Amino acid sequence: MAKKIAEAQALDLPAAVKQVEIKHLRSMKDEAGKDVSVVDWVEVKDVDVAISDAEAQKASLEAQLAEVEAELVEYNTIKDAE
């Protein structure tokens, strides 16, 4: 799912607290059959929290990648043993 990220205006927070607005988008086809992006939902969070969330997601994806790479080694070993 695509995201559109922009700085958000913090109305009731001090200027030192930066916020981001994250629009979660999904692709659909309109009546004419053209691809369009539709906002699924919008969230606003502290930029430091957003950075921490992104770093945690990156670490999780890197761990998953390491597992898949290990599986590929096993599959190729079996394939080459024929």
PDB file of N, CA and C in Angstrom:
ATOM      1  N   MET A   1       0.844  -1.166   0.000  1.00  0.00           N
ATOM      2  CA  MET A   1       0.000   0.000   0.000  1.00  0.00           C
ATOM      3  C   MET A   1       0.891   1.230   0.000  1.00  0.00           C
ATOM      4  N   ALA A   2       0.588   2.171  -0.841  1.00  0.00           N
ATOM      5  CA  ALA A   2       1.373   3.393  -0.954  1.00  0.00           C
ATOM      6  C   ALA A   2       1.022   4.368   0.172  1.00  0.00           C
ATOM      7  N   LYS A   3       1.969   5.259   0.423  1.00  0.00           N
ATOM      8  CA  LYS A   3       1.757   6.285   1.443  1.00  0.00           C
ATOM      9  C   LYS A   3       2.204   7.621   0.882  1.00  0.00           C
ATOM     10  N   LYS A   4       1.513   8.667   1.272  1.00  0.00           N
ATOM     11  CA  LYS A   4       1.932  10.021   0.966  1.00  0.00           C
ATOM     12  C   LYS A   4       2.196  10.702   2.297  1.00  0.00           C
ATOM     13  N   ILE A   5       3.436  11.135   2.506  1.00  0.00           N
ATOM     14  CA  ILE A   5       3.852  11.684   3.790  1.00  0.00           C
ATOM     15  C   ILE A   5       4.146  13.172   3.623  1.00  0.00           C
ATOM     16  N   ALA A   6       3.626  13.965   4.558  1.00  0.00           N
ATOM     17  CA  ALA A   6       3.850  15.410   4.531  1.00  0.00           C
ATOM     18  C   ALA A   6       3.908  15.925   5.958  1.00  0.00           C
ATOM     19  N   GLU A   7       4.526  17.087   6.121  1.00  0.00           N
ATOM     20  CA  GLU A   7       4.551  17.715   7.437  1.00  0.00           C
ATOM     21  C   GLU A   7       3.145  18.183   7.783  1.00  0.00           C
ATOM     22  N   ALA A   8       2.738  17.940   9.014  1.00  0.00           N
ATOM     23  CA  ALA A   8       1.409  18.346   9.467  1.00  0.00           C
ATOM     24  C   ALA A   8       1.522  19.576  10.341  1.00  0.00           C
ATOM     25  N   GLN A   9       0.513  20.382  10.323  1.00  0.00           N
ATOM     26  CA  GLN A   9       0.469  21.569  11.165  1.00  0.00           C
ATOM     27  C   GLN A   9      -0.041  21.184  12.546  1.00  0.00           C
ATOM     28  N   ALA A  10       0.777  21.386  13.560  1.00  0.00           N
ATOM     29  CA  ALA A  10       0.383  21.082  14.931  1.00  0.00           C
ATOM     30  C   ALA A  10      -0.359  22.290  15.488  1.00  0.00           C
ATOM     31  N   LEU A  11      -1.658  22.170  15.605  1.00  0.00           N
ATOM     32  CA  LEU A  11      -2.463  23.316  16.026  1.00  0.00           C
ATOM     33  C   LEU A  11      -2.348  23.630  17.508  1.00  0.00           C
ATOM     34  N   ASP A  12      -2.297  22.599  18.339  1.00  0.00           N
ATOM     35  CA  ASP A  12      -2.299  22.838  19.781  1.00  0.00           C
ATOM     36  C   ASP A  12      -1.004  22.423  20.462  1.00  0.00           C
ATOM     37  N   LEU A  13       0.049  22.204  19.677  1.00  0.00           N
ATOM     38  CA  LEU A  13       1.334  21.787  20.236  1.00  0.00           C
ATOM     39  C   LEU A  13       2.370  22.881  20.029  1.00  0.00           C
ATOM     40  N   PRO A  14       3.421  22.891  20.862  1.00  0.00           N
ATOM     41  CA  PRO A  14       4.491  23.872  20.663  1.00  0.00           C
ATOM     42  C   PRO A  14       5.143  23.688  19.289  1.00  0.00           C
ATOM     43  N   ALA A  15       5.717  24.749  18.763  1.00  0.00           N
ATOM     44  CA  ALA A  15       6.320  24.706  17.432  1.00  0.00           C
ATOM     45  C   ALA A  15       7.470  23.707  17.343  1.00  0.00           C
ATOM     46  N   ALA A  16       8.111  23.389  18.479  1.00  0.00           N
ATOM     47  CA  ALA A  16       9.240  22.468  18.476  1.00  0.00           C
ATOM     48  C   ALA A  16       8.809  21.024  18.215  1.00  0.00           C
ATOM     49  N   VAL A  17       7.529  20.721  18.395  1.00  0.00           N
ATOM     50  CA  VAL A  17       7.028  19.363  18.177  1.00  0.00           C
ATOM     51  C   VAL A  17       6.563  19.254  16.733  1.00  0.00           C
ATOM     52  N   LYS A  18       7.321  18.503  15.930  1.00  0.00           N
ATOM     53  CA  LYS A  18       6.950  18.341  14.526  1.00  0.00           C
ATOM     54  C   LYS A  18       6.061  17.122  14.372  1.00  0.00           C
ATOM     55  N   GLN A  19       5.070  17.276  13.531  1.00  0.00           N
ATOM     56  CA  GLN A  19       4.108  16.216  13.257  1.00  0.00           C
ATOM     57  C   GLN A  19       4.169  15.871  11.776  1.00  0.00           C
ATOM     58  N   VAL A  20       3.817  14.642  11.450  1.00  0.00           N
ATOM     59  CA  VAL A  20       3.688  14.238  10.053  1.00  0.00           C
ATOM     60  C   VAL A  20       2.281  13.718   9.816  1.00  0.00           C
ATOM     61  N   GLU A  21       1.797  13.958   8.620  1.00  0.00           N
ATOM     62  CA  GLU A  21       0.512  13.427   8.206  1.00  0.00           C
ATOM     63  C   GLU A  21       0.797  12.334   7.189  1.00  0.00           C
ATOM     64  N   ILE A  22       0.288  11.151   7.444  1.00  0.00           N
ATOM     65  CA  ILE A  22       0.519  10.009   6.571  1.00  0.00           C
ATOM     66  C   ILE A  22      -0.817   9.610   5.965  1.00  0.00           C
ATOM     67  N   LYS A  23      -0.911   9.746   4.645  1.00  0.00           N
ATOM     68  CA  LYS A  23      -2.114   9.328   3.932  1.00  0.00           C
ATOM     69  C   LYS A  23      -1.841   7.941   3.355  1.00  0.00           C
ATOM     70  N   HIS A  24      -2.607   6.961   3.788  1.00  0.00           N
ATOM     71  CA  HIS A  24      -2.475   5.600   3.282  1.00  0.00           C
ATOM     72  C   HIS A  24      -3.354   5.490   2.046  1.00  0.00           C
ATOM     73  N   LEU A  25      -2.734   5.170   0.931  1.00  0.00           N
ATOM     74  CA  LEU A  25      -3.421   5.160  -0.353  1.00  0.00           C
ATOM     75  C   LEU A  25      -3.598   3.745  -0.872  1.00  0.00           C
ATOM     76  N   ARG A  26      -4.619   3.559  -1.677  1.00  0.00           N
ATOM     77  CA  ARG A  26      -4.785   2.298  -2.404  1.00  0.00           C
ATOM     78  C   ARG A  26      -5.166   2.631  -3.831  1.00  0.00           C
ATOM     79  N   SER A  27      -4.812   1.752  -4.737  1.00  0.00           N
ATOM     80  CA  SER A  27      -5.104   1.965  -6.148  1.00  0.00           C
ATOM     81  C   SER A  27      -6.423   1.310  -6.508  1.00  0.00           C
ATOM     82  N   MET A  28      -7.174   2.005  -7.334  1.00  0.00           N
ATOM     83  CA  MET A  28      -8.450   1.492  -7.822  1.00  0.00           C
ATOM     84  C   MET A  28      -8.586   1.915  -9.279  1.00  0.00           C
ATOM     85  N   LYS A  29      -9.570   1.374  -9.933  1.00  0.00           N
ATOM     86  CA  LYS A  29      -9.900   1.801 -11.291  1.00  0.00           C
ATOM     87  C   LYS A  29     -11.177   2.625 -11.218  1.00  0.00           C
ATOM     88  N   ASP A  30     -11.183   3.755 -11.929  1.00  0.00           N
ATOM     89  CA  ASP A  30     -12.399   4.556 -11.963  1.00  0.00           C
ATOM     90  C   ASP A  30     -13.352   3.992 -13.019  1.00  0.00           C
ATOM     91  N   GLU A  31     -14.460   4.684 -13.228  1.00  0.00           N
ATOM     92  CA  GLU A  31     -15.476   4.201 -14.158  1.00  0.00           C
ATOM     93  C   GLU A  31     -14.954   4.078 -15.582  1.00  0.00           C
ATOM     94  N   ALA A  32     -13.964   4.893 -15.923  1.00  0.00           N
ATOM     95  CA  ALA A  32     -13.384   4.857 -17.267  1.00  0.00           C
ATOM     96  C   ALA A  32     -12.273   3.818 -17.383  1.00  0.00           C
ATOM     97  N   GLY A  33     -11.963   3.134 -16.292  1.00  0.00           N
ATOM     98  CA  GLY A  33     -10.918   2.117 -16.316  1.00  0.00           C
ATOM     99  C   GLY A  33      -9.527   2.642 -16.038  1.00  0.00           C
ATOM    100  N   LYS A  34      -9.420   3.914 -15.669  1.00  0.00           N
ATOM    101  CA  LYS A  34      -8.113   4.496 -15.363  1.00  0.00           C
ATOM    102  C   LYS A  34      -7.740   4.184 -13.917  1.00  0.00           C
ATOM    103  N   ASP A  35      -6.427   3.996 -13.682  1.00  0.00           N
ATOM    104  CA  ASP A  35      -5.941   3.790 -12.323  1.00  0.00           C
ATOM    105  C   ASP A  35      -5.982   5.106 -11.556  1.00  0.00           C
ATOM    106  N   VAL A  36      -6.540   5.071 -10.353  1.00  0.00           N
ATOM    107  CA  VAL A  36      -6.580   6.245  -9.488  1.00  0.00           C
ATOM    108  C   VAL A  36      -6.139   5.837  -8.085  1.00  0.00           C
ATOM    109  N   SER A  37      -5.578   6.794  -7.358  1.00  0.00           N
ATOM    110  CA  SER A  37      -5.209   6.563  -5.968  1.00  0.00           C
ATOM    111  C   SER A  37      -6.307   7.131  -5.081  1.00  0.00           C
ATOM    112  N   VAL A  38      -6.719   6.348  -4.097  1.00  0.00           N
ATOM    113  CA  VAL A  38      -7.773   6.749  -3.178  1.00  0.00           C
ATOM    114  C   VAL A  38      -7.202   6.723  -1.769  1.00  0.00           C
ATOM    115  N   VAL A  39      -7.483   7.765  -0.996  1.00  0.00           N
ATOM    116  CA  VAL A  39      -7.021   7.810   0.390  1.00  0.00           C
ATOM    117  C   VAL A  39      -7.860   6.828   1.198  1.00  0.00           C
ATOM    118  N   ASP A  40      -7.184   5.831   1.774  1.00  0.00           N
ATOM    119  CA  ASP A  40      -7.858   4.824   2.586  1.00  0.00           C
ATOM    120  C   ASP A  40      -8.075   5.356   4.002  1.00  0.00           C
ATOM    121  N   TRP A  41      -7.008   5.884   4.595  1.00  0.00           N
ATOM    122  CA  TRP A  41      -7.127   6.544   5.894  1.00  0.00           C
ATOM    123  C   TRP A  41      -5.933   7.477   6.082  1.00  0.00           C
ATOM    124  N   VAL A  42      -6.089   8.395   7.028  1.00  0.00           N
ATOM    125  CA  VAL A  42      -5.063   9.392   7.315  1.00  0.00           C
ATOM    126  C   VAL A  42      -4.712   9.305   8.790  1.00  0.00           C
ATOM    127  N   GLU A  43      -3.418   9.376   9.078  1.00  0.00           N
ATOM    128  CA  GLU A  43      -2.997   9.428  10.483  1.00  0.00           C
ATOM    129  C   GLU A  43      -1.991  10.555  10.653  1.00  0.00           C
ATOM    130  N   VAL A  44      -1.993  11.142  11.827  1.00  0.00           N
ATOM    131  CA  VAL A  44      -1.043  12.196  12.178  1.00  0.00           C
ATOM    132  C   VAL A  44      -0.302  11.719  13.414  1.00  0.00           C
ATOM    133  N   LYS A  45       1.034  11.794  13.336  1.00  0.00           N
ATOM    134  CA  LYS A  45       1.826  11.386  14.500  1.00  0.00           C
ATOM    135  C   LYS A  45       3.077  12.229  14.601  1.00  0.00           C
ATOM    136  N   ASP A  46       3.679  12.188  15.767  1.00  0.00           N
ATOM    137  CA  ASP A  46       4.931  12.868  16.043  1.00  0.00           C
ATOM    138  C   ASP A  46       5.990  12.319  15.096  1.00  0.00           C
ATOM    139  N   VAL A  47       6.810  13.181  14.524  1.00  0.00           N
ATOM    140  CA  VAL A  47       7.808  12.750  13.555  1.00  0.00           C
ATOM    141  C   VAL A  47       8.798  11.756  14.170  1.00  0.00           C
ATOM    142  N   ASP A  48       9.139  11.916  15.445  1.00  0.00           N
ATOM    143  CA  ASP A  48      10.060  10.976  16.093  1.00  0.00           C
ATOM    144  C   ASP A  48       9.437   9.587  16.218  1.00  0.00           C
ATOM    145  N   VAL A  49       8.140   9.536  16.502  1.00  0.00           N
ATOM    146  CA  VAL A  49       7.430   8.254  16.569  1.00  0.00           C
ATOM    147  C   VAL A  49       7.390   7.614  15.186  1.00  0.00           C
ATOM    148  N   ALA A  50       7.133   8.430  14.157  1.00  0.00           N
ATOM    149  CA  ALA A  50       7.094   7.912  12.790  1.00  0.00           C
ATOM    150  C   ALA A  50       8.449   7.331  12.387  1.00  0.00           C
ATOM    151  N   ILE A  51       9.524   8.005  12.767  1.00  0.00           N
ATOM    152  CA  ILE A  51      10.872   7.503  12.466  1.00  0.00           C
ATOM    153  C   ILE A  51      11.114   6.186  13.195  1.00  0.00           C
ATOM    154  N   SER A  52      10.756   6.107  14.460  1.00  0.00           N
ATOM    155  CA  SER A  52      10.935   4.868  15.232  1.00  0.00           C
ATOM    156  C   SER A  52      10.131   3.721  14.621  1.00  0.00           C
ATOM    157  N   ASP A  53       8.900   4.007  14.217  1.00  0.00           N
ATOM    158  CA  ASP A  53       8.064   2.984  13.590  1.00  0.00           C
ATOM    159  C   ASP A  53       8.688   2.483  12.293  1.00  0.00           C
ATOM    160  N   ALA A  54       9.193   3.403  11.478  1.00  0.00           N
ATOM    161  CA  ALA A  54       9.813   3.026  10.206  1.00  0.00           C
ATOM    162  C   ALA A  54      11.085   2.202  10.429  1.00  0.00           C
ATOM    163  N   GLU A  55      11.882   2.577  11.436  1.00  0.00           N
ATOM    164  CA  GLU A  55      13.097   1.808  11.735  1.00  0.00           C
ATOM    165  C   GLU A  55      12.753   0.400  12.220  1.00  0.00           C
ATOM    166  N   ALA A  56      11.704   0.272  13.021  1.00  0.00           N
ATOM    167  CA  ALA A  56      11.282  -1.052  13.493  1.00  0.00           C
ATOM    168  C   ALA A  56      10.784  -1.901  12.335  1.00  0.00           C
ATOM    169  N   GLN A  57      10.036  -1.292  11.426  1.00  0.00           N
ATOM    170  CA  GLN A  57       9.557  -2.026  10.260  1.00  0.00           C
ATOM    171  C   GLN A  57      10.727  -2.454   9.375  1.00  0.00           C
ATOM    172  N   LYS A  58      11.713  -1.591   9.217  1.00  0.00           N
ATOM    173  CA  LYS A  58      12.903  -1.915   8.424  1.00  0.00           C
ATOM    174  C   LYS A  58      13.637  -3.109   9.023  1.00  0.00           C
ATOM    175  N   ALA A  59      13.818  -3.126  10.339  1.00  0.00           N
ATOM    176  CA  ALA A  59      14.501  -4.232  11.008  1.00  0.00           C
ATOM    177  C   ALA A  59      13.739  -5.538  10.810  1.00  0.00           C
ATOM    178  N   SER A  60      12.421  -5.475  10.896  1.00  0.00           N
ATOM    179  CA  SER A  60      11.587  -6.654  10.694  1.00  0.00           C
ATOM    180  C   SER A  60      11.730  -7.188   9.264  1.00  0.00           C
ATOM    181  N   LEU A  61      11.712  -6.283   8.292  1.00  0.00           N
ATOM    182  CA  LEU A  61      11.849  -6.695   6.894  1.00  0.00           C
ATOM    183  C   LEU A  61      13.233  -7.262   6.613  1.00  0.00           C
ATOM    184  N   GLU A  62      14.265  -6.692   7.231  1.00  0.00           N
ATOM    185  CA  GLU A  62      15.619  -7.221   7.050  1.00  0.00           C
ATOM    186  C   GLU A  62      15.729  -8.629   7.618  1.00  0.00           C
ATOM    187  N   ALA A  63      15.067  -8.898   8.743  1.00  0.00           N
ATOM    188  CA  ALA A  63      15.071 -10.237   9.334  1.00  0.00           C
ATOM    189  C   ALA A  63      14.339 -11.218   8.419  1.00  0.00           C
ATOM    190  N   GLN A  64      13.222 -10.787   7.863  1.00  0.00           N
ATOM    191  CA  GLN A  64      12.478 -11.647   6.934  1.00  0.00           C
ATOM    192  C   GLN A  64      13.314 -11.936   5.692  1.00  0.00           C
ATOM    193  N   LEU A  65      14.029 -10.935   5.195  1.00  0.00           N
ATOM    194  CA  LEU A  65      14.881 -11.120   4.028  1.00  0.00           C
ATOM    195  C   LEU A  65      15.975 -12.146   4.312  1.00  0.00           C
ATOM    196  N   ALA A  66      16.581 -12.093   5.485  1.00  0.00           N
ATOM    197  CA  ALA A  66      17.624 -13.048   5.852  1.00  0.00           C
ATOM    198  C   ALA A  66      17.067 -14.469   5.863  1.00  0.00           C
ATOM    199  N   GLU A  67      15.831 -14.641   6.359  1.00  0.00           N
ATOM    200  CA  GLU A  67      15.202 -15.957   6.381  1.00  0.00           C
ATOM    201  C   GLU A  67      14.959 -16.469   4.962  1.00  0.00           C
ATOM    202  N   VAL A  68      14.478 -15.609   4.090  1.00  0.00           N
ATOM    203  CA  VAL A  68      14.205 -16.011   2.706  1.00  0.00           C
ATOM    204  C   VAL A  68      15.496 -16.352   1.977  1.00  0.00           C
ATOM    205  N   GLU A  69      16.543 -15.583   2.223  1.00  0.00           N
ATOM    206  CA  GLU A  69      17.830 -15.878   1.595  1.00  0.00           C
ATOM    207  C   GLU A  69      18.355 -17.242   2.050  1.00  0.00           C
ATOM    208  N   ALA A  70      18.165 -17.584   3.315  1.00  0.00           N
ATOM    209  CA  ALA A  70      18.580 -18.894   3.820  1.00  0.00           C
ATOM    210  C   ALA A  70      17.766 -20.006   3.150  1.00  0.00           C
ATOM    211  N   GLU A  71      16.464 -19.777   2.974  1.00  0.00           N
ATOM    212  CA  GLU A  71      15.627 -20.770   2.279  1.00  0.00           C
ATOM    213  C   GLU A  71      16.114 -20.972   0.846  1.00  0.00           C
ATOM    214  N   LEU A  72      16.459 -19.884   0.165  1.00  0.00           N
ATOM    215  CA  LEU A  72      16.943 -19.995  -1.207  1.00  0.00           C
ATOM    216  C   LEU A  72      18.220 -20.825  -1.293  1.00  0.00           C
ATOM    217  N   VAL A  73      19.099 -20.642  -0.326  1.00  0.00           N
ATOM    218  CA  VAL A  73      20.330 -21.440  -0.302  1.00  0.00           C
ATOM    219  C   VAL A  73      19.987 -22.920  -0.187  1.00  0.00           C
ATOM    220  N   GLU A  74      19.048 -23.257   0.701  1.00  0.00           N
ATOM    221  CA  GLU A  74      18.642 -24.655   0.866  1.00  0.00           C
ATOM    222  C   GLU A  74      18.015 -25.204  -0.408  1.00  0.00           C
ATOM    223  N   TYR A  75      17.139 -24.419  -1.037  1.00  0.00           N
ATOM    224  CA  TYR A  75      16.497 -24.880  -2.275  1.00  0.00           C
ATOM    225  C   TYR A  75      17.514 -25.095  -3.381  1.00  0.00           C
ATOM    226  N   ASN A  76      18.450 -24.164  -3.526  1.00  0.00           N
ATOM    227  CA  ASN A  76      19.471 -24.299  -4.566  1.00  0.00           C
ATOM    228  C   ASN A  76      20.400 -25.469  -4.285  1.00  0.00           C
ATOM    229  N   THR A  77      20.672 -25.757  -3.018  1.00  0.00           N
ATOM    230  CA  THR A  77      21.488 -26.904  -2.665  1.00  0.00           C
ATOM    231  C   THR A  77      20.798 -28.198  -3.100  1.00  0.00           C
ATOM    232  N   ILE A  78      19.511 -28.276  -2.840  1.00  0.00           N
ATOM    233  CA  ILE A  78      18.733 -29.465  -3.246  1.00  0.00           C
ATOM    234  C   ILE A  78      18.698 -29.559  -4.761  1.00  0.00           C
ATOM    235  N   LYS A  79      18.490 -28.456  -5.440  1.00  0.00           N
ATOM    236  CA  LYS A  79      18.426 -28.458  -6.899  1.00  0.00           C
ATOM    237  C   LYS A  79      19.753 -28.903  -7.513  1.00  0.00           C
ATOM    238  N   ASP A  80      20.870 -28.398  -6.967  1.00  0.00           N
ATOM    239  CA  ASP A  80      22.187 -28.719  -7.506  1.00  0.00           C
ATOM    240  C   ASP A  80      22.612 -30.144  -7.182  1.00  0.00           C
ATOM    241  N   ALA A  81      21.985 -30.788  -6.204  1.00  0.00           N
ATOM    242  CA  ALA A  81      22.370 -32.154  -5.821  1.00  0.00           C
ATOM    243  C   ALA A  81      21.819 -33.175  -6.803  1.00  0.00           C
ATOM    244  N   GLU A  82      20.936 -32.803  -7.679  1.00  0.00           N
ATOM    245  CA  GLU A  82      20.344 -33.767  -8.628  1.00  0.00           C
ATOM    246  C   GLU A  82      21.332 -34.309  -9.608  1.00  0.00           C
TER     247      GLU A  82
END
